[in-house]
Amino acid sequence: MSPFAGELFLRLASEGRLVVDKNRADEVIAGLERTLSSVRARLRLIRLWQQDPTPRVGELPEELARDVVDAVFADQLAPGRLEQAAADLPKYIEAMRLAQGAPARPPTVPEM
């Protein structure tokens, strides 16, 4: 089971069941976009690292070495999660865009 619920948020927003104040949605979107940028940067570092035939952290500038170690370590702790996050975060962003000030749908009354 995925820890992400992008599809659910998209469905709720498209049905008008997820409504978020525009200002709050803008803040959330900005945060999600920063997170997505960070996730993509980590994935690029991991791919570059994996493509190097003889990767050596000691040969990298200190700040880059730290970033590579952090990204590779995170990927080892939770393999595939960065890829999942990169795939799902855009869904959250789109859901927040749809949810901005969307009119709330009246609750559905179950038929008896």
PDB file of N, CA and C in Angstrom:
ATOM      1  N   MET A   1       0.835  -1.174   0.000  1.00  0.00           N
ATOM      2  CA  MET A   1       0.000   0.000   0.000  1.00  0.00           C
ATOM      3  C   MET A   1       0.886   1.245   0.000  1.00  0.00           C
ATOM      4  N   SER A   2       0.555   2.189  -0.839  1.00  0.00           N
ATOM      5  CA  SER A   2       1.331   3.413  -0.967  1.00  0.00           C
ATOM      6  C   SER A   2       1.022   4.362   0.190  1.00  0.00           C
ATOM      7  N   PRO A   3       2.046   5.055   0.700  1.00  0.00           N
ATOM      8  CA  PRO A   3       1.800   6.041   1.750  1.00  0.00           C
ATOM      9  C   PRO A   3       1.237   7.345   1.193  1.00  0.00           C
ATOM     10  N   PHE A   4       1.082   7.410  -0.121  1.00  0.00           N
ATOM     11  CA  PHE A   4       0.617   8.626  -0.762  1.00  0.00           C
ATOM     12  C   PHE A   4      -0.840   8.473  -1.180  1.00  0.00           C
ATOM     13  N   ALA A   5      -1.541   9.584  -1.215  1.00  0.00           N
ATOM     14  CA  ALA A   5      -2.964   9.551  -1.547  1.00  0.00           C
ATOM     15  C   ALA A   5      -3.306  10.592  -2.605  1.00  0.00           C
ATOM     16  N   GLY A   6      -2.408  10.799  -3.544  1.00  0.00           N
ATOM     17  CA  GLY A   6      -2.619  11.803  -4.574  1.00  0.00           C
ATOM     18  C   GLY A   6      -3.882  11.578  -5.381  1.00  0.00           C
ATOM     19  N   GLU A   7      -4.132  10.334  -5.756  1.00  0.00           N
ATOM     20  CA  GLU A   7      -5.337  10.032  -6.533  1.00  0.00           C
ATOM     21  C   GLU A   7      -6.600  10.351  -5.732  1.00  0.00           C
ATOM     22  N   LEU A   8      -6.579  10.016  -4.451  1.00  0.00           N
ATOM     23  CA  LEU A   8      -7.724  10.302  -3.589  1.00  0.00           C
ATOM     24  C   LEU A   8      -7.969  11.808  -3.499  1.00  0.00           C
ATOM     25  N   PHE A   9      -6.911  12.580  -3.272  1.00  0.00           N
ATOM     26  CA  PHE A   9      -7.060  14.028  -3.174  1.00  0.00           C
ATOM     27  C   PHE A   9      -7.570  14.616  -4.491  1.00  0.00           C
ATOM     28  N   LEU A  10      -7.063  14.104  -5.610  1.00  0.00           N
ATOM     29  CA  LEU A  10      -7.540  14.573  -6.908  1.00  0.00           C
ATOM     30  C   LEU A  10      -9.026  14.288  -7.090  1.00  0.00           C
ATOM     31  N   ARG A  11      -9.436  13.082  -6.726  1.00  0.00           N
ATOM     32  CA  ARG A  11     -10.847  12.721  -6.869  1.00  0.00           C
ATOM     33  C   ARG A  11     -11.721  13.600  -5.984  1.00  0.00           C
ATOM     34  N   LEU A  12     -11.316  13.780  -4.733  1.00  0.00           N
ATOM     35  CA  LEU A  12     -12.100  14.611  -3.815  1.00  0.00           C
ATOM     36  C   LEU A  12     -12.205  16.043  -4.323  1.00  0.00           C
ATOM     37  N   ALA A  13     -11.096  16.577  -4.813  1.00  0.00           N
ATOM     38  CA  ALA A  13     -11.099  17.955  -5.315  1.00  0.00           C
ATOM     39  C   ALA A  13     -11.950  18.074  -6.574  1.00  0.00           C
ATOM     40  N   SER A  14     -11.844  17.110  -7.465  1.00  0.00           N
ATOM     41  CA  SER A  14     -12.615  17.190  -8.710  1.00  0.00           C
ATOM     42  C   SER A  14     -14.112  17.022  -8.455  1.00  0.00           C
ATOM     43  N   GLU A  15     -14.468  16.335  -7.381  1.00  0.00           N
ATOM     44  CA  GLU A  15     -15.874  16.165  -7.011  1.00  0.00           C
ATOM     45  C   GLU A  15     -16.390  17.333  -6.164  1.00  0.00           C
ATOM     46  N   GLY A  16     -15.505  18.269  -5.825  1.00  0.00           N
ATOM     47  CA  GLY A  16     -15.905  19.401  -5.000  1.00  0.00           C
ATOM     48  C   GLY A  16     -15.996  19.065  -3.522  1.00  0.00           C
ATOM     49  N   ARG A  17     -15.464  17.923  -3.134  1.00  0.00           N
ATOM     50  CA  ARG A  17     -15.529  17.499  -1.734  1.00  0.00           C
ATOM     51  C   ARG A  17     -14.297  17.929  -0.944  1.00  0.00           C
ATOM     52  N   LEU A  18     -13.280  18.405  -1.633  1.00  0.00           N
ATOM     53  CA  LEU A  18     -12.098  18.975  -0.988  1.00  0.00           C
ATOM     54  C   LEU A  18     -12.075  20.444  -1.370  1.00  0.00           C
ATOM     55  N   VAL A  19     -12.292  21.299  -0.394  1.00  0.00           N
ATOM     56  CA  VAL A  19     -12.320  22.739  -0.623  1.00  0.00           C
ATOM     57  C   VAL A  19     -11.334  23.376   0.343  1.00  0.00           C
ATOM     58  N   VAL A  20     -10.475  24.225  -0.197  1.00  0.00           N
ATOM     59  CA  VAL A  20      -9.448  24.878   0.609  1.00  0.00           C
ATOM     60  C   VAL A  20      -9.466  26.361   0.271  1.00  0.00           C
ATOM     61  N   ASP A  21      -9.380  27.192   1.303  1.00  0.00           N
ATOM     62  CA  ASP A  21      -9.284  28.634   1.119  1.00  0.00           C
ATOM     63  C   ASP A  21      -8.145  28.944   0.152  1.00  0.00           C
ATOM     64  N   LYS A  22      -8.368  29.879  -0.771  1.00  0.00           N
ATOM     65  CA  LYS A  22      -7.381  30.175  -1.798  1.00  0.00           C
ATOM     66  C   LYS A  22      -6.016  30.540  -1.221  1.00  0.00           C
ATOM     67  N   ASN A  23      -5.979  31.389  -0.202  1.00  0.00           N
ATOM     68  CA  ASN A  23      -4.695  31.783   0.386  1.00  0.00           C
ATOM     69  C   ASN A  23      -3.982  30.582   0.997  1.00  0.00           C
ATOM     70  N   ARG A  24      -4.738  29.766   1.708  1.00  0.00           N
ATOM     71  CA  ARG A  24      -4.144  28.564   2.318  1.00  0.00           C
ATOM     72  C   ARG A  24      -3.686  27.592   1.241  1.00  0.00           C
ATOM     73  N   ALA A  25      -4.491  27.425   0.201  1.00  0.00           N
ATOM     74  CA  ALA A  25      -4.119  26.526  -0.896  1.00  0.00           C
ATOM     75  C   ALA A  25      -2.841  27.009  -1.566  1.00  0.00           C
ATOM     76  N   ASP A  26      -2.714  28.316  -1.762  1.00  0.00           N
ATOM     77  CA  ASP A  26      -1.494  28.864  -2.366  1.00  0.00           C
ATOM     78  C   ASP A  26      -0.267  28.540  -1.520  1.00  0.00           C
ATOM     79  N   GLU A  27      -0.402  28.639  -0.200  1.00  0.00           N
ATOM     80  CA  GLU A  27       0.703  28.306   0.709  1.00  0.00           C
ATOM     81  C   GLU A  27       1.060  26.823   0.603  1.00  0.00           C
ATOM     82  N   VAL A  28       0.036  25.988   0.587  1.00  0.00           N
ATOM     83  CA  VAL A  28       0.257  24.537   0.503  1.00  0.00           C
ATOM     84  C   VAL A  28       0.913  24.193  -0.827  1.00  0.00           C
ATOM     85  N   ILE A  29       0.427  24.783  -1.907  1.00  0.00           N
ATOM     86  CA  ILE A  29       0.998  24.524  -3.233  1.00  0.00           C
ATOM     87  C   ILE A  29       2.470  24.923  -3.270  1.00  0.00           C
ATOM     88  N   ALA A  30       2.791  26.083  -2.729  1.00  0.00           N
ATOM     89  CA  ALA A  30       4.185  26.539  -2.708  1.00  0.00           C
ATOM     90  C   ALA A  30       5.063  25.550  -1.937  1.00  0.00           C
ATOM     91  N   GLY A  31       4.580  25.073  -0.806  1.00  0.00           N
ATOM     92  CA  GLY A  31       5.333  24.090  -0.033  1.00  0.00           C
ATOM     93  C   GLY A  31       5.494  22.778  -0.773  1.00  0.00           C
ATOM     94  N   LEU A  32       4.424  22.335  -1.415  1.00  0.00           N
ATOM     95  CA  LEU A  32       4.489  21.089  -2.182  1.00  0.00           C
ATOM     96  C   LEU A  32       5.448  21.220  -3.361  1.00  0.00           C
ATOM     97  N   GLU A  33       5.444  22.385  -4.009  1.00  0.00           N
ATOM     98  CA  GLU A  33       6.365  22.595  -5.127  1.00  0.00           C
ATOM     99  C   GLU A  33       7.816  22.608  -4.663  1.00  0.00           C
ATOM    100  N   ARG A  34       8.086  23.177  -3.490  1.00  0.00           N
ATOM    101  CA  ARG A  34       9.449  23.145  -2.937  1.00  0.00           C
ATOM    102  C   ARG A  34       9.855  21.705  -2.625  1.00  0.00           C
ATOM    103  N   THR A  35       8.921  20.957  -2.048  1.00  0.00           N
ATOM    104  CA  THR A  35       9.202  19.563  -1.718  1.00  0.00           C
ATOM    105  C   THR A  35       9.466  18.755  -2.983  1.00  0.00           C
ATOM    106  N   LEU A  36       8.646  18.954  -4.011  1.00  0.00           N
ATOM    107  CA  LEU A  36       8.835  18.245  -5.268  1.00  0.00           C
ATOM    108  C   LEU A  36      10.192  18.579  -5.879  1.00  0.00           C
ATOM    109  N   SER A  37      10.579  19.838  -5.832  1.00  0.00           N
ATOM    110  CA  SER A  37      11.886  20.250  -6.346  1.00  0.00           C
ATOM    111  C   SER A  37      13.014  19.542  -5.591  1.00  0.00           C
ATOM    112  N   SER A  38      12.886  19.446  -4.286  1.00  0.00           N
ATOM    113  CA  SER A  38      13.889  18.778  -3.462  1.00  0.00           C
ATOM    114  C   SER A  38      13.959  17.279  -3.780  1.00  0.00           C
ATOM    115  N   VAL A  39      12.808  16.664  -3.930  1.00  0.00           N
ATOM    116  CA  VAL A  39      12.753  15.232  -4.259  1.00  0.00           C
ATOM    117  C   VAL A  39      13.414  14.984  -5.609  1.00  0.00           C
ATOM    118  N   ARG A  40      13.083  15.810  -6.599  1.00  0.00           N
ATOM    119  CA  ARG A  40      13.677  15.646  -7.931  1.00  0.00           C
ATOM    120  C   ARG A  40      15.183  15.852  -7.903  1.00  0.00           C
ATOM    121  N   ALA A  41      15.651  16.815  -7.107  1.00  0.00           N
ATOM    122  CA  ALA A  41      17.094  17.052  -6.990  1.00  0.00           C
ATOM    123  C   ALA A  41      17.783  15.831  -6.375  1.00  0.00           C
ATOM    124  N   ARG A  42      17.181  15.255  -5.355  1.00  0.00           N
ATOM    125  CA  ARG A  42      17.750  14.045  -4.751  1.00  0.00           C
ATOM    126  C   ARG A  42      17.794  12.892  -5.747  1.00  0.00           C
ATOM    127  N   LEU A  43      16.732  12.749  -6.513  1.00  0.00           N
ATOM    128  CA  LEU A  43      16.705  11.679  -7.518  1.00  0.00           C
ATOM    129  C   LEU A  43      17.797  11.886  -8.569  1.00  0.00           C
ATOM    130  N   ARG A  44      18.012  13.132  -8.990  1.00  0.00           N
ATOM    131  CA  ARG A  44      19.088  13.414  -9.958  1.00  0.00           C
ATOM    132  C   ARG A  44      20.442  13.043  -9.362  1.00  0.00           C
ATOM    133  N   LEU A  45      20.666  13.399  -8.109  1.00  0.00           N
ATOM    134  CA  LEU A  45      21.936  13.049  -7.459  1.00  0.00           C
ATOM    135  C   LEU A  45      22.127  11.537  -7.406  1.00  0.00           C
ATOM    136  N   ILE A  46      21.079  10.835  -7.035  1.00  0.00           N
ATOM    137  CA  ILE A  46      21.174   9.370  -6.952  1.00  0.00           C
ATOM    138  C   ILE A  46      21.490   8.783  -8.323  1.00  0.00           C
ATOM    139  N   ARG A  47      20.808   9.248  -9.359  1.00  0.00           N
ATOM    140  CA  ARG A  47      21.052   8.721 -10.719  1.00  0.00           C
ATOM    141  C   ARG A  47      22.472   9.014 -11.181  1.00  0.00           C
ATOM    142  N   LEU A  48      22.937  10.240 -10.942  1.00  0.00           N
ATOM    143  CA  LEU A  48      24.312  10.571 -11.313  1.00  0.00           C
ATOM    144  C   LEU A  48      25.305   9.693 -10.554  1.00  0.00           C
ATOM    145  N   TRP A  49      25.039   9.500  -9.295  1.00  0.00           N
ATOM    146  CA  TRP A  49      25.910   8.678  -8.460  1.00  0.00           C
ATOM    147  C   TRP A  49      25.948   7.235  -8.970  1.00  0.00           C
ATOM    148  N   GLN A  50      24.786   6.716  -9.323  1.00  0.00           N
ATOM    149  CA  GLN A  50      24.702   5.327  -9.790  1.00  0.00           C
ATOM    150  C   GLN A  50      25.336   5.155 -11.165  1.00  0.00           C
ATOM    151  N   GLN A  51      25.376   6.214 -11.981  1.00  0.00           N
ATOM    152  CA  GLN A  51      25.957   6.119 -13.316  1.00  0.00           C
ATOM    153  C   GLN A  51      27.475   6.197 -13.301  1.00  0.00           C
ATOM    154  N   ASP A  52      28.044   6.724 -12.242  1.00  0.00           N
ATOM    155  CA  ASP A  52      29.495   6.851 -12.144  1.00  0.00           C
ATOM    156  C   ASP A  52      30.092   5.453 -11.962  1.00  0.00           C
ATOM    157  N   PRO A  53      31.027   5.049 -12.840  1.00  0.00           N
ATOM    158  CA  PRO A  53      31.585   3.695 -12.732  1.00  0.00           C
ATOM    159  C   PRO A  53      32.357   3.460 -11.430  1.00  0.00           C
ATOM    160  N   THR A  54      32.978   4.481 -10.894  1.00  0.00           N
ATOM    161  CA  THR A  54      33.708   4.342  -9.632  1.00  0.00           C
ATOM    162  C   THR A  54      33.413   5.539  -8.741  1.00  0.00           C
ATOM    163  N   PRO A  55      32.210   5.582  -8.163  1.00  0.00           N
ATOM    164  CA  PRO A  55      31.855   6.755  -7.347  1.00  0.00           C
ATOM    165  C   PRO A  55      32.702   6.835  -6.073  1.00  0.00           C
ATOM    166  N   ARG A  56      33.179   8.037  -5.796  1.00  0.00           N
ATOM    167  CA  ARG A  56      33.978   8.274  -4.595  1.00  0.00           C
ATOM    168  C   ARG A  56      33.522   9.580  -3.955  1.00  0.00           C
ATOM    169  N   VAL A  57      32.948   9.468  -2.785  1.00  0.00           N
ATOM    170  CA  VAL A  57      32.455  10.651  -2.086  1.00  0.00           C
ATOM    171  C   VAL A  57      33.592  11.601  -1.758  1.00  0.00           C
ATOM    172  N   GLY A  58      34.740  11.062  -1.417  1.00  0.00           N
ATOM    173  CA  GLY A  58      35.881  11.891  -1.034  1.00  0.00           C
ATOM    174  C   GLY A  58      36.379  12.809  -2.127  1.00  0.00           C
ATOM    175  N   GLU A  59      36.019  12.546  -3.363  1.00  0.00           N
ATOM    176  CA  GLU A  59      36.477  13.370  -4.476  1.00  0.00           C
ATOM    177  C   GLU A  59      35.502  14.506  -4.799  1.00  0.00           C
ATOM    178  N   LEU A  60      34.390  14.539  -4.094  1.00  0.00           N
ATOM    179  CA  LEU A  60      33.379  15.572  -4.329  1.00  0.00           C
ATOM    180  C   LEU A  60      33.595  16.759  -3.394  1.00  0.00           C
ATOM    181  N   PRO A  61      33.156  17.953  -3.815  1.00  0.00           N
ATOM    182  CA  PRO A  61      33.180  19.091  -2.886  1.00  0.00           C
ATOM    183  C   PRO A  61      32.340  18.740  -1.653  1.00  0.00           C
ATOM    184  N   GLU A  62      32.721  19.278  -0.513  1.00  0.00           N
ATOM    185  CA  GLU A  62      32.096  18.894   0.762  1.00  0.00           C
ATOM    186  C   GLU A  62      30.574  18.988   0.759  1.00  0.00           C
ATOM    187  N   GLU A  63      30.033  20.112   0.280  1.00  0.00           N
ATOM    188  CA  GLU A  63      28.583  20.292   0.296  1.00  0.00           C
ATOM    189  C   GLU A  63      27.895  19.277  -0.619  1.00  0.00           C
ATOM    190  N   LEU A  64      28.455  19.047  -1.794  1.00  0.00           N
ATOM    191  CA  LEU A  64      27.879  18.077  -2.720  1.00  0.00           C
ATOM    192  C   LEU A  64      27.990  16.666  -2.144  1.00  0.00           C
ATOM    193  N   ALA A  65      29.101  16.371  -1.516  1.00  0.00           N
ATOM    194  CA  ALA A  65      29.284  15.048  -0.898  1.00  0.00           C
ATOM    195  C   ALA A  65      28.215  14.808   0.162  1.00  0.00           C
ATOM    196  N   ARG A  66      27.941  15.813   0.950  1.00  0.00           N
ATOM    197  CA  ARG A  66      26.919  15.699   1.993  1.00  0.00           C
ATOM    198  C   ARG A  66      25.539  15.443   1.373  1.00  0.00           C
ATOM    199  N   ASP A  67      25.235  16.168   0.301  1.00  0.00           N
ATOM    200  CA  ASP A  67      23.952  15.985  -0.386  1.00  0.00           C
ATOM    201  C   ASP A  67      23.836  14.588  -0.996  1.00  0.00           C
ATOM    202  N   VAL A  68      24.910  14.099  -1.588  1.00  0.00           N
ATOM    203  CA  VAL A  68      24.911  12.757  -2.180  1.00  0.00           C
ATOM    204  C   VAL A  68      24.704  11.713  -1.102  1.00  0.00           C
ATOM    205  N   VAL A  69      25.425  11.831  -0.012  1.00  0.00           N
ATOM    206  CA  VAL A  69      25.299  10.867   1.084  1.00  0.00           C
ATOM    207  C   VAL A  69      23.878  10.877   1.631  1.00  0.00           C
ATOM    208  N   ASP A  70      23.313  12.063   1.841  1.00  0.00           N
ATOM    209  CA  ASP A  70      21.932  12.163   2.342  1.00  0.00           C
ATOM    210  C   ASP A  70      20.944  11.504   1.384  1.00  0.00           C
ATOM    211  N   ALA A  71      21.078  11.791   0.092  1.00  0.00           N
ATOM    212  CA  ALA A  71      20.146  11.245  -0.899  1.00  0.00           C
ATOM    213  C   ALA A  71      20.273   9.725  -0.998  1.00  0.00           C
ATOM    214  N   VAL A  72      21.490   9.222  -1.064  1.00  0.00           N
ATOM    215  CA  VAL A  72      21.707   7.774  -1.181  1.00  0.00           C
ATOM    216  C   VAL A  72      21.234   7.074   0.088  1.00  0.00           C
ATOM    217  N   PHE A  73      21.502   7.662   1.240  1.00  0.00           N
ATOM    218  CA  PHE A  73      21.070   7.062   2.502  1.00  0.00           C
ATOM    219  C   PHE A  73      19.548   7.005   2.578  1.00  0.00           C
ATOM    220  N   ALA A  74      18.883   8.098   2.215  1.00  0.00           N
ATOM    221  CA  ALA A  74      17.416   8.113   2.226  1.00  0.00           C
ATOM    222  C   ALA A  74      16.858   7.044   1.297  1.00  0.00           C
ATOM    223  N   ASP A  75      17.484   6.873   0.140  1.00  0.00           N
ATOM    224  CA  ASP A  75      17.022   5.860  -0.808  1.00  0.00           C
ATOM    225  C   ASP A  75      17.256   4.453  -0.276  1.00  0.00           C
ATOM    226  N   GLN A  76      18.313   4.249   0.482  1.00  0.00           N
ATOM    227  CA  GLN A  76      18.571   2.932   1.063  1.00  0.00           C
ATOM    228  C   GLN A  76      17.595   2.618   2.187  1.00  0.00           C
ATOM    229  N   LEU A  77      17.215   3.637   2.946  1.00  0.00           N
ATOM    230  CA  LEU A  77      16.261   3.429   4.037  1.00  0.00           C
ATOM    231  C   LEU A  77      14.863   3.106   3.526  1.00  0.00           C
ATOM    232  N   ALA A  78      14.478   3.749   2.447  1.00  0.00           N
ATOM    233  CA  ALA A  78      13.135   3.563   1.898  1.00  0.00           C
ATOM    234  C   ALA A  78      13.224   3.480   0.377  1.00  0.00           C
ATOM    235  N   PRO A  79      13.699   2.354  -0.133  1.00  0.00           N
ATOM    236  CA  PRO A  79      13.879   2.228  -1.581  1.00  0.00           C
ATOM    237  C   PRO A  79      12.583   2.498  -2.345  1.00  0.00           C
ATOM    238  N   GLY A  80      12.709   3.314  -3.371  1.00  0.00           N
ATOM    239  CA  GLY A  80      11.568   3.596  -4.237  1.00  0.00           C
ATOM    240  C   GLY A  80      10.647   4.701  -3.753  1.00  0.00           C
ATOM    241  N   ARG A  81      10.800   5.137  -2.522  1.00  0.00           N
ATOM    242  CA  ARG A  81       9.887   6.158  -1.993  1.00  0.00           C
ATOM    243  C   ARG A  81      10.087   7.516  -2.656  1.00  0.00           C
ATOM    244  N   LEU A  82      11.315   7.864  -2.994  1.00  0.00           N
ATOM    245  CA  LEU A  82      11.532   9.146  -3.663  1.00  0.00           C
ATOM    246  C   LEU A  82      10.838   9.156  -5.021  1.00  0.00           C
ATOM    247  N   GLU A  83      10.909   8.029  -5.746  1.00  0.00           N
ATOM    248  CA  GLU A  83      10.223   7.935  -7.034  1.00  0.00           C
ATOM    249  C   GLU A  83       8.710   8.048  -6.840  1.00  0.00           C
ATOM    250  N   GLN A  84       8.198   7.398  -5.803  1.00  0.00           N
ATOM    251  CA  GLN A  84       6.760   7.489  -5.515  1.00  0.00           C
ATOM    252  C   GLN A  84       6.366   8.918  -5.191  1.00  0.00           C
ATOM    253  N   ALA A  85       7.172   9.582  -4.395  1.00  0.00           N
ATOM    254  CA  ALA A  85       6.889  10.976  -4.043  1.00  0.00           C
ATOM    255  C   ALA A  85       6.914  11.858  -5.285  1.00  0.00           C
ATOM    256  N   ALA A  86       7.895  11.637  -6.167  1.00  0.00           N
ATOM    257  CA  ALA A  86       7.992  12.430  -7.394  1.00  0.00           C
ATOM    258  C   ALA A  86       6.778  12.219  -8.297  1.00  0.00           C
ATOM    259  N   ALA A  87       6.197  11.043  -8.249  1.00  0.00           N
ATOM    260  CA  ALA A  87       5.016  10.747  -9.064  1.00  0.00           C
ATOM    261  C   ALA A  87       3.741  11.288  -8.422  1.00  0.00           C
ATOM    262  N   ASP A  88       3.671  11.298  -7.097  1.00  0.00           N
ATOM    263  CA  ASP A  88       2.427  11.662  -6.418  1.00  0.00           C
ATOM    264  C   ASP A  88       2.318  13.139  -6.056  1.00  0.00           C
ATOM    265  N   LEU A  89       3.413  13.798  -5.779  1.00  0.00           N
ATOM    266  CA  LEU A  89       3.351  15.212  -5.384  1.00  0.00           C
ATOM    267  C   LEU A  89       2.651  16.088  -6.427  1.00  0.00           C
ATOM    268  N   PRO A  90       2.873  15.878  -7.728  1.00  0.00           N
ATOM    269  CA  PRO A  90       2.117  16.687  -8.699  1.00  0.00           C
ATOM    270  C   PRO A  90       0.601  16.493  -8.582  1.00  0.00           C
ATOM    271  N   LYS A  91       0.167  15.331  -8.150  1.00  0.00           N
ATOM    272  CA  LYS A  91      -1.265  15.076  -7.961  1.00  0.00           C
ATOM    273  C   LYS A  91      -1.798  15.913  -6.796  1.00  0.00           C
ATOM    274  N   TYR A  92      -1.028  16.001  -5.725  1.00  0.00           N
ATOM    275  CA  TYR A  92      -1.429  16.845  -4.597  1.00  0.00           C
ATOM    276  C   TYR A  92      -1.509  18.305  -5.037  1.00  0.00           C
ATOM    277  N   ILE A  93      -0.526  18.738  -5.814  1.00  0.00           N
ATOM    278  CA  ILE A  93      -0.501  20.123  -6.291  1.00  0.00           C
ATOM    279  C   ILE A  93      -1.734  20.413  -7.137  1.00  0.00           C
ATOM    280  N   GLU A  94      -2.035  19.513  -8.063  1.00  0.00           N
ATOM    281  CA  GLU A  94      -3.210  19.699  -8.910  1.00  0.00           C
ATOM    282  C   GLU A  94      -4.487  19.677  -8.073  1.00  0.00           C
ATOM    283  N   ALA A  95      -4.561  18.802  -7.086  1.00  0.00           N
ATOM    284  CA  ALA A  95      -5.742  18.744  -6.211  1.00  0.00           C
ATOM    285  C   ALA A  95      -5.927  20.059  -5.473  1.00  0.00           C
ATOM    286  N   MET A  96      -4.840  20.647  -4.994  1.00  0.00           N
ATOM    287  CA  MET A  96      -4.941  21.932  -4.292  1.00  0.00           C
ATOM    288  C   MET A  96      -5.393  23.028  -5.245  1.00  0.00           C
ATOM    289  N   ARG A  97      -4.935  22.973  -6.484  1.00  0.00           N
ATOM    290  CA  ARG A  97      -5.379  23.974  -7.464  1.00  0.00           C
ATOM    291  C   ARG A  97      -6.873  23.839  -7.730  1.00  0.00           C
ATOM    292  N   LEU A  98      -7.338  22.600  -7.835  1.00  0.00           N
ATOM    293  CA  LEU A  98      -8.763  22.367  -8.064  1.00  0.00           C
ATOM    294  C   LEU A  98      -9.598  22.760  -6.848  1.00  0.00           C
ATOM    295  N   ALA A  99      -9.033  22.579  -5.658  1.00  0.00           N
ATOM    296  CA  ALA A  99      -9.779  22.783  -4.417  1.00  0.00           C
ATOM    297  C   ALA A  99      -9.877  24.246  -4.000  1.00  0.00           C
ATOM    298  N   GLN A 100      -9.143  25.123  -4.644  1.00  0.00           N
ATOM    299  CA  GLN A 100      -9.142  26.536  -4.262  1.00  0.00           C
ATOM    300  C   GLN A 100     -10.505  27.171  -4.486  1.00  0.00           C
ATOM    301  N   GLY A 101     -11.183  27.369  -3.419  1.00  0.00           N
ATOM    302  CA  GLY A 101     -12.446  28.071  -3.495  1.00  0.00           C
ATOM    303  C   GLY A 101     -13.535  27.363  -4.284  1.00  0.00           C
ATOM    304  N   ALA A 102     -13.350  26.091  -4.565  1.00  0.00           N
ATOM    305  CA  ALA A 102     -14.383  25.355  -5.293  1.00  0.00           C
ATOM    306  C   ALA A 102     -15.644  25.307  -4.442  1.00  0.00           C
ATOM    307  N   PRO A 103     -16.801  25.439  -5.063  1.00  0.00           N
ATOM    308  CA  PRO A 103     -18.036  25.385  -4.272  1.00  0.00           C
ATOM    309  C   PRO A 103     -18.206  24.007  -3.649  1.00  0.00           C
ATOM    310  N   ALA A 104     -18.603  23.995  -2.412  1.00  0.00           N
ATOM    311  CA  ALA A 104     -18.802  22.720  -1.710  1.00  0.00           C
ATOM    312  C   ALA A 104     -20.046  22.033  -2.254  1.00  0.00           C
ATOM    313  N   ARG A 105     -19.937  20.754  -2.421  1.00  0.00           N
ATOM    314  CA  ARG A 105     -21.094  19.972  -2.860  1.00  0.00           C
ATOM    315  C   ARG A 105     -21.946  19.656  -1.663  1.00  0.00           C
ATOM    316  N   PRO A 106     -23.251  19.652  -1.835  1.00  0.00           N
ATOM    317  CA  PRO A 106     -24.121  19.269  -0.700  1.00  0.00           C
ATOM    318  C   PRO A 106     -23.882  17.804  -0.367  1.00  0.00           C
ATOM    319  N   PRO A 107     -23.988  17.448   0.917  1.00  0.00           N
ATOM    320  CA  PRO A 107     -23.769  16.052   1.282  1.00  0.00           C
ATOM    321  C   PRO A 107     -24.797  15.144   0.616  1.00  0.00           C
ATOM    322  N   THR A 108     -24.351  13.971   0.267  1.00  0.00           N
ATOM    323  CA  THR A 108     -25.231  13.001  -0.366  1.00  0.00           C
ATOM    324  C   THR A 108     -25.966  12.242   0.716  1.00  0.00           C
ATOM    325  N   VAL A 109     -27.283  12.176   0.565  1.00  0.00           N
ATOM    326  CA  VAL A 109     -28.090  11.435   1.525  1.00  0.00           C
ATOM    327  C   VAL A 109     -28.299  10.029   0.986  1.00  0.00           C
ATOM    328  N   PRO A 110     -27.910   9.013   1.745  1.00  0.00           N
ATOM    329  CA  PRO A 110     -28.080   7.652   1.260  1.00  0.00           C
ATOM    330  C   PRO A 110     -29.565   7.326   1.052  1.00  0.00           C
ATOM    331  N   GLU A 111     -29.834   6.581  -0.008  1.00  0.00           N
ATOM    332  CA  GLU A 111     -31.208   6.178  -0.288  1.00  0.00           C
ATOM    333  C   GLU A 111     -31.622   5.102   0.700  1.00  0.00           C
ATOM    334  N   MET A 112     -32.874   5.145   1.074  1.00  0.00           N
ATOM    335  CA  MET A 112     -33.396   4.153   2.012  1.00  0.00           C
ATOM    336  C   MET A 112     -34.110   3.065   1.285  1.00  0.00           C
TER     337      MET A 112
END
